[in-house]
Amino acid sequence: MAEIINGAQPVDCGSCGACSGVPCLTDPPGGTHIARLARAVRLGRITNAGLAYALAGFGEFSGASVVRP
């Protein structure tokens, strides 16, 4: 999971507005918004399989849902 999240860090987050390289603004800190992961897939930073792995534990989710390592 850490590899997937690290791959998404160079991408801006569409949920909280965190800039490239800045962690998502989550409470508690340390999570990554699914919106950022989805954007990272579109930009080729992580794979579709990586996104599917990150989403495996969610029943329902939105772009504002948070993935934790």
PDB file of N, CA and C in Angstrom:
ATOM      1  N   MET A   1       0.824  -1.190   0.000  1.00  0.00           N
ATOM      2  CA  MET A   1       0.000   0.000   0.000  1.00  0.00           C
ATOM      3  C   MET A   1       0.871   1.258   0.000  1.00  0.00           C
ATOM      4  N   ALA A   2       1.968   1.228   0.732  1.00  0.00           N
ATOM      5  CA  ALA A   2       2.844   2.402   0.793  1.00  0.00           C
ATOM      6  C   ALA A   2       3.362   2.770  -0.593  1.00  0.00           C
ATOM      7  N   GLU A   3       3.658   1.785  -1.415  1.00  0.00           N
ATOM      8  CA  GLU A   3       4.155   2.054  -2.776  1.00  0.00           C
ATOM      9  C   GLU A   3       3.095   2.773  -3.614  1.00  0.00           C
ATOM     10  N   ILE A   4       1.844   2.365  -3.449  1.00  0.00           N
ATOM     11  CA  ILE A   4       0.749   2.996  -4.185  1.00  0.00           C
ATOM     12  C   ILE A   4       0.587   4.446  -3.733  1.00  0.00           C
ATOM     13  N   ILE A   5       0.559   4.657  -2.437  1.00  0.00           N
ATOM     14  CA  ILE A   5       0.396   6.009  -1.907  1.00  0.00           C
ATOM     15  C   ILE A   5       1.578   6.889  -2.298  1.00  0.00           C
ATOM     16  N   ASN A   6       2.773   6.367  -2.224  1.00  0.00           N
ATOM     17  CA  ASN A   6       3.954   7.143  -2.624  1.00  0.00           C
ATOM     18  C   ASN A   6       3.902   7.502  -4.102  1.00  0.00           C
ATOM     19  N   GLY A   7       3.367   6.609  -4.925  1.00  0.00           N
ATOM     20  CA  GLY A   7       3.237   6.887  -6.353  1.00  0.00           C
ATOM     21  C   GLY A   7       2.270   8.015  -6.641  1.00  0.00           C
ATOM     22  N   ALA A   8       1.307   8.206  -5.752  1.00  0.00           N
ATOM     23  CA  ALA A   8       0.312   9.262  -5.945  1.00  0.00           C
ATOM     24  C   ALA A   8       0.752  10.616  -5.386  1.00  0.00           C
ATOM     25  N   GLN A   9       1.763  10.665  -4.553  1.00  0.00           N
ATOM     26  CA  GLN A   9       2.160  11.918  -3.898  1.00  0.00           C
ATOM     27  C   GLN A   9       2.548  13.035  -4.864  1.00  0.00           C
ATOM     28  N   PRO A  10       3.159  12.735  -6.022  1.00  0.00           N
ATOM     29  CA  PRO A  10       3.512  13.832  -6.938  1.00  0.00           C
ATOM     30  C   PRO A  10       2.309  14.449  -7.660  1.00  0.00           C
ATOM     31  N   VAL A  11       1.101  13.970  -7.363  1.00  0.00           N
ATOM     32  CA  VAL A  11      -0.114  14.436  -8.030  1.00  0.00           C
ATOM     33  C   VAL A  11      -0.900  15.322  -7.056  1.00  0.00           C
ATOM     34  N   ASP A  12      -1.458  16.417  -7.551  1.00  0.00           N
ATOM     35  CA  ASP A  12      -2.326  17.256  -6.723  1.00  0.00           C
ATOM     36  C   ASP A  12      -3.576  16.478  -6.335  1.00  0.00           C
ATOM     37  N   CYS A  13      -4.108  16.744  -5.148  1.00  0.00           N
ATOM     38  CA  CYS A  13      -5.319  16.076  -4.683  1.00  0.00           C
ATOM     39  C   CYS A  13      -6.544  16.886  -5.095  1.00  0.00           C
ATOM     40  N   GLY A  14      -7.489  16.232  -5.769  1.00  0.00           N
ATOM     41  CA  GLY A  14      -8.715  16.888  -6.185  1.00  0.00           C
ATOM     42  C   GLY A  14      -9.738  17.009  -5.076  1.00  0.00           C
ATOM     43  N   SER A  15      -9.488  16.376  -3.940  1.00  0.00           N
ATOM     44  CA  SER A  15     -10.437  16.434  -2.831  1.00  0.00           C
ATOM     45  C   SER A  15     -10.098  17.558  -1.849  1.00  0.00           C
ATOM     46  N   CYS A  16      -8.872  17.568  -1.353  1.00  0.00           N
ATOM     47  CA  CYS A  16      -8.506  18.569  -0.334  1.00  0.00           C
ATOM     48  C   CYS A  16      -7.645  19.694  -0.893  1.00  0.00           C
ATOM     49  N   GLY A  17      -7.180  19.546  -2.138  1.00  0.00           N
ATOM     50  CA  GLY A  17      -6.371  20.593  -2.750  1.00  0.00           C
ATOM     51  C   GLY A  17      -4.895  20.550  -2.405  1.00  0.00           C
ATOM     52  N   ALA A  18      -4.444  19.480  -1.721  1.00  0.00           N
ATOM     53  CA  ALA A  18      -3.018  19.371  -1.400  1.00  0.00           C
ATOM     54  C   ALA A  18      -2.210  19.363  -2.697  1.00  0.00           C
ATOM     55  N   CYS A  19      -1.151  20.139  -2.714  1.00  0.00           N
ATOM     56  CA  CYS A  19      -0.296  20.243  -3.891  1.00  0.00           C
ATOM     57  C   CYS A  19       0.624  19.034  -4.009  1.00  0.00           C
ATOM     58  N   SER A  20       1.211  18.900  -5.152  1.00  0.00           N
ATOM     59  CA  SER A  20       2.164  17.828  -5.420  1.00  0.00           C
ATOM     60  C   SER A  20       3.208  17.742  -4.316  1.00  0.00           C
ATOM     61  N   GLY A  21       3.399  16.540  -3.782  1.00  0.00           N
ATOM     62  CA  GLY A  21       4.399  16.306  -2.756  1.00  0.00           C
ATOM     63  C   GLY A  21       3.952  16.630  -1.344  1.00  0.00           C
ATOM     64  N   VAL A  22       2.782  17.245  -1.189  1.00  0.00           N
ATOM     65  CA  VAL A  22       2.256  17.603   0.130  1.00  0.00           C
ATOM     66  C   VAL A  22       1.216  16.561   0.523  1.00  0.00           C
ATOM     67  N   PRO A  23       1.300  16.007   1.733  1.00  0.00           N
ATOM     68  CA  PRO A  23       0.313  15.000   2.150  1.00  0.00           C
ATOM     69  C   PRO A  23      -1.102  15.573   2.144  1.00  0.00           C
ATOM     70  N   CYS A  24      -2.065  14.680   1.911  1.00  0.00           N
ATOM     71  CA  CYS A  24      -3.468  15.090   1.952  1.00  0.00           C
ATOM     72  C   CYS A  24      -3.820  15.609   3.335  1.00  0.00           C
ATOM     73  N   LEU A  25      -4.773  16.528   3.352  1.00  0.00           N
ATOM     74  CA  LEU A  25      -5.250  17.118   4.596  1.00  0.00           C
ATOM     75  C   LEU A  25      -6.366  16.228   5.143  1.00  0.00           C
ATOM     76  N   THR A  26      -5.992  15.278   5.995  1.00  0.00           N
ATOM     77  CA  THR A  26      -6.951  14.333   6.557  1.00  0.00           C
ATOM     78  C   THR A  26      -6.922  14.420   8.074  1.00  0.00           C
ATOM     79  N   ASP A  27      -8.010  13.975   8.678  1.00  0.00           N
ATOM     80  CA  ASP A  27      -8.103  13.966  10.133  1.00  0.00           C
ATOM     81  C   ASP A  27      -8.507  12.569  10.575  1.00  0.00           C
ATOM     82  N   PRO A  28      -7.630  11.815  11.196  1.00  0.00           N
ATOM     83  CA  PRO A  28      -6.269  12.166  11.581  1.00  0.00           C
ATOM     84  C   PRO A  28      -5.344  12.190  10.368  1.00  0.00           C
ATOM     85  N   PRO A  29      -4.206  12.867  10.487  1.00  0.00           N
ATOM     86  CA  PRO A  29      -3.247  12.953   9.385  1.00  0.00           C
ATOM     87  C   PRO A  29      -2.718  11.573   8.983  1.00  0.00           C
ATOM     88  N   GLY A  30      -2.208  11.510   7.776  1.00  0.00           N
ATOM     89  CA  GLY A  30      -1.536  10.293   7.325  1.00  0.00           C
ATOM     90  C   GLY A  30      -2.291   9.495   6.291  1.00  0.00           C
ATOM     91  N   GLY A  31      -3.427   9.997   5.818  1.00  0.00           N
ATOM     92  CA  GLY A  31      -4.188   9.295   4.800  1.00  0.00           C
ATOM     93  C   GLY A  31      -4.051   9.960   3.445  1.00  0.00           C
ATOM     94  N   THR A  32      -4.561   9.286   2.422  1.00  0.00           N
ATOM     95  CA  THR A  32      -4.557   9.810   1.063  1.00  0.00           C
ATOM     96  C   THR A  32      -5.966   9.673   0.497  1.00  0.00           C
ATOM     97  N   HIS A  33      -6.480  10.741  -0.083  1.00  0.00           N
ATOM     98  CA  HIS A  33      -7.817  10.708  -0.654  1.00  0.00           C
ATOM     99  C   HIS A  33      -7.858   9.855  -1.925  1.00  0.00           C
ATOM    100  N   ILE A  34      -8.955   9.176  -2.114  1.00  0.00           N
ATOM    101  CA  ILE A  34      -9.141   8.361  -3.313  1.00  0.00           C
ATOM    102  C   ILE A  34      -9.092   9.241  -4.555  1.00  0.00           C
ATOM    103  N   ALA A  35      -9.540  10.483  -4.447  1.00  0.00           N
ATOM    104  CA  ALA A  35      -9.472  11.399  -5.593  1.00  0.00           C
ATOM    105  C   ALA A  35      -8.030  11.544  -6.084  1.00  0.00           C
ATOM    106  N   ARG A  36      -7.094  11.587  -5.173  1.00  0.00           N
ATOM    107  CA  ARG A  36      -5.676  11.710  -5.551  1.00  0.00           C
ATOM    108  C   ARG A  36      -5.190  10.430  -6.231  1.00  0.00           C
ATOM    109  N   LEU A  37      -5.608   9.295  -5.703  1.00  0.00           N
ATOM    110  CA  LEU A  37      -5.219   8.024  -6.314  1.00  0.00           C
ATOM    111  C   LEU A  37      -5.794   7.906  -7.720  1.00  0.00           C
ATOM    112  N   ALA A  38      -7.059   8.304  -7.891  1.00  0.00           N
ATOM    113  CA  ALA A  38      -7.687   8.235  -9.217  1.00  0.00           C
ATOM    114  C   ALA A  38      -6.968   9.148 -10.211  1.00  0.00           C
ATOM    115  N   ARG A  39      -6.606  10.332  -9.761  1.00  0.00           N
ATOM    116  CA  ARG A  39      -5.863  11.254 -10.631  1.00  0.00           C
ATOM    117  C   ARG A  39      -4.498  10.669 -10.981  1.00  0.00           C
ATOM    118  N   ALA A  40      -3.868   9.997 -10.025  1.00  0.00           N
ATOM    119  CA  ALA A  40      -2.561   9.374 -10.275  1.00  0.00           C
ATOM    120  C   ALA A  40      -2.667   8.269 -11.319  1.00  0.00           C
ATOM    121  N   VAL A  41      -3.782   7.546 -11.336  1.00  0.00           N
ATOM    122  CA  VAL A  41      -3.999   6.531 -12.378  1.00  0.00           C
ATOM    123  C   VAL A  41      -4.097   7.220 -13.733  1.00  0.00           C
ATOM    124  N   ARG A  42      -4.910   8.252 -13.823  1.00  0.00           N
ATOM    125  CA  ARG A  42      -5.090   8.955 -15.103  1.00  0.00           C
ATOM    126  C   ARG A  42      -3.775   9.518 -15.639  1.00  0.00           C
ATOM    127  N   LEU A  43      -2.881   9.913 -14.725  1.00  0.00           N
ATOM    128  CA  LEU A  43      -1.601  10.486 -15.141  1.00  0.00           C
ATOM    129  C   LEU A  43      -0.490   9.444 -15.267  1.00  0.00           C
ATOM    130  N   GLY A  44      -0.835   8.165 -15.061  1.00  0.00           N
ATOM    131  CA  GLY A  44       0.144   7.096 -15.231  1.00  0.00           C
ATOM    132  C   GLY A  44       1.120   6.925 -14.084  1.00  0.00           C
ATOM    133  N   ARG A  45       0.832   7.501 -12.931  1.00  0.00           N
ATOM    134  CA  ARG A  45       1.732   7.388 -11.773  1.00  0.00           C
ATOM    135  C   ARG A  45       1.542   6.083 -11.017  1.00  0.00           C
ATOM    136  N   ILE A  46       0.309   5.553 -11.009  1.00  0.00           N
ATOM    137  CA  ILE A  46       0.032   4.234 -10.433  1.00  0.00           C
ATOM    138  C   ILE A  46      -0.852   3.474 -11.411  1.00  0.00           C
ATOM    139  N   THR A  47      -0.955   2.170 -11.233  1.00  0.00           N
ATOM    140  CA  THR A  47      -1.723   1.337 -12.154  1.00  0.00           C
ATOM    141  C   THR A  47      -3.173   1.189 -11.705  1.00  0.00           C
ATOM    142  N   ASN A  48      -4.007   0.749 -12.637  1.00  0.00           N
ATOM    143  CA  ASN A  48      -5.391   0.423 -12.288  1.00  0.00           C
ATOM    144  C   ASN A  48      -5.424  -0.657 -11.219  1.00  0.00           C
ATOM    145  N   ALA A  49      -4.512  -1.626 -11.321  1.00  0.00           N
ATOM    146  CA  ALA A  49      -4.446  -2.704 -10.327  1.00  0.00           C
ATOM    147  C   ALA A  49      -4.097  -2.142  -8.950  1.00  0.00           C
ATOM    148  N   GLY A  50      -3.220  -1.156  -8.901  1.00  0.00           N
ATOM    149  CA  GLY A  50      -2.872  -0.523  -7.631  1.00  0.00           C
ATOM    150  C   GLY A  50      -4.065   0.186  -7.019  1.00  0.00           C
ATOM    151  N   LEU A  51      -4.839   0.876  -7.852  1.00  0.00           N
ATOM    152  CA  LEU A  51      -6.038   1.552  -7.356  1.00  0.00           C
ATOM    153  C   LEU A  51      -7.047   0.517  -6.856  1.00  0.00           C
ATOM    154  N   ALA A  52      -7.231  -0.557  -7.600  1.00  0.00           N
ATOM    155  CA  ALA A  52      -8.163  -1.609  -7.177  1.00  0.00           C
ATOM    156  C   ALA A  52      -7.736  -2.198  -5.838  1.00  0.00           C
ATOM    157  N   TYR A  53      -6.448  -2.389  -5.641  1.00  0.00           N
ATOM    158  CA  TYR A  53      -5.939  -2.908  -4.371  1.00  0.00           C
ATOM    159  C   TYR A  53      -6.259  -1.943  -3.231  1.00  0.00           C
ATOM    160  N   ALA A  54      -6.067  -0.644  -3.475  1.00  0.00           N
ATOM    161  CA  ALA A  54      -6.334   0.362  -2.448  1.00  0.00           C
ATOM    162  C   ALA A  54      -7.821   0.422  -2.096  1.00  0.00           C
ATOM    163  N   LEU A  55      -8.677   0.128  -3.059  1.00  0.00           N
ATOM    164  CA  LEU A  55     -10.123   0.206  -2.846  1.00  0.00           C
ATOM    165  C   LEU A  55     -10.733  -1.094  -2.333  1.00  0.00           C
ATOM    166  N   ALA A  56      -9.959  -2.143  -2.271  1.00  0.00           N
ATOM    167  CA  ALA A  56     -10.488  -3.470  -1.927  1.00  0.00           C
ATOM    168  C   ALA A  56     -11.213  -3.501  -0.585  1.00  0.00           C
ATOM    169  N   GLY A  57     -10.825  -2.710   0.370  1.00  0.00           N
ATOM    170  CA  GLY A  57     -11.433  -2.746   1.689  1.00  0.00           C
ATOM    171  C   GLY A  57     -12.684  -1.888   1.831  1.00  0.00           C
ATOM    172  N   PHE A  58     -13.040  -1.145   0.784  1.00  0.00           N
ATOM    173  CA  PHE A  58     -14.192  -0.243   0.853  1.00  0.00           C
ATOM    174  C   PHE A  58     -15.437  -0.927   0.304  1.00  0.00           C
ATOM    175  N   GLY A  59     -16.558  -0.748   0.989  1.00  0.00           N
ATOM    176  CA  GLY A  59     -17.840  -1.151   0.438  1.00  0.00           C
ATOM    177  C   GLY A  59     -18.336  -0.032  -0.466  1.00  0.00           C
ATOM    178  N   GLU A  60     -18.551   1.127   0.140  1.00  0.00           N
ATOM    179  CA  GLU A  60     -18.916   2.333  -0.587  1.00  0.00           C
ATOM    180  C   GLU A  60     -17.849   3.378  -0.324  1.00  0.00           C
ATOM    181  N   PHE A  61     -17.605   4.231  -1.309  1.00  0.00           N
ATOM    182  CA  PHE A  61     -16.584   5.256  -1.156  1.00  0.00           C
ATOM    183  C   PHE A  61     -16.875   6.411  -2.089  1.00  0.00           C
ATOM    184  N   SER A  62     -16.198   7.513  -1.858  1.00  0.00           N
ATOM    185  CA  SER A  62     -16.250   8.679  -2.738  1.00  0.00           C
ATOM    186  C   SER A  62     -14.810   9.159  -2.927  1.00  0.00           C
ATOM    187  N   GLY A  63     -14.643  10.191  -3.710  1.00  0.00           N
ATOM    188  CA  GLY A  63     -13.315  10.762  -3.901  1.00  0.00           C
ATOM    189  C   GLY A  63     -12.722  11.305  -2.622  1.00  0.00           C
ATOM    190  N   ALA A  64     -13.594  11.646  -1.667  1.00  0.00           N
ATOM    191  CA  ALA A  64     -13.121  12.188  -0.391  1.00  0.00           C
ATOM    192  C   ALA A  64     -12.801  11.094   0.628  1.00  0.00           C
ATOM    193  N   SER A  65     -13.110   9.840   0.297  1.00  0.00           N
ATOM    194  CA  SER A  65     -12.752   8.737   1.205  1.00  0.00           C
ATOM    195  C   SER A  65     -11.235   8.674   1.320  1.00  0.00           C
ATOM    196  N   VAL A  66     -10.757   8.182   2.464  1.00  0.00           N
ATOM    197  CA  VAL A  66      -9.323   8.203   2.762  1.00  0.00           C
ATOM    198  C   VAL A  66      -8.782   6.789   2.842  1.00  0.00           C
ATOM    199  N   VAL A  67      -7.651   6.571   2.173  1.00  0.00           N
ATOM    200  CA  VAL A  67      -6.904   5.312   2.232  1.00  0.00           C
ATOM    201  C   VAL A  67      -5.755   5.533   3.209  1.00  0.00           C
ATOM    202  N   ARG A  68      -5.535   4.575   4.055  1.00  0.00           N
ATOM    203  CA  ARG A  68      -4.424   4.656   5.013  1.00  0.00           C
ATOM    204  C   ARG A  68      -3.459   3.505   4.765  1.00  0.00           C
ATOM    205  N   PRO A  69      -2.157   3.786   4.935  1.00  0.00           N
ATOM    206  CA  PRO A  69      -1.164   2.711   4.708  1.00  0.00           C
ATOM    207  C   PRO A  69      -1.283   1.581   5.717  1.00  0.00           C
TER     208      PRO A  69
END
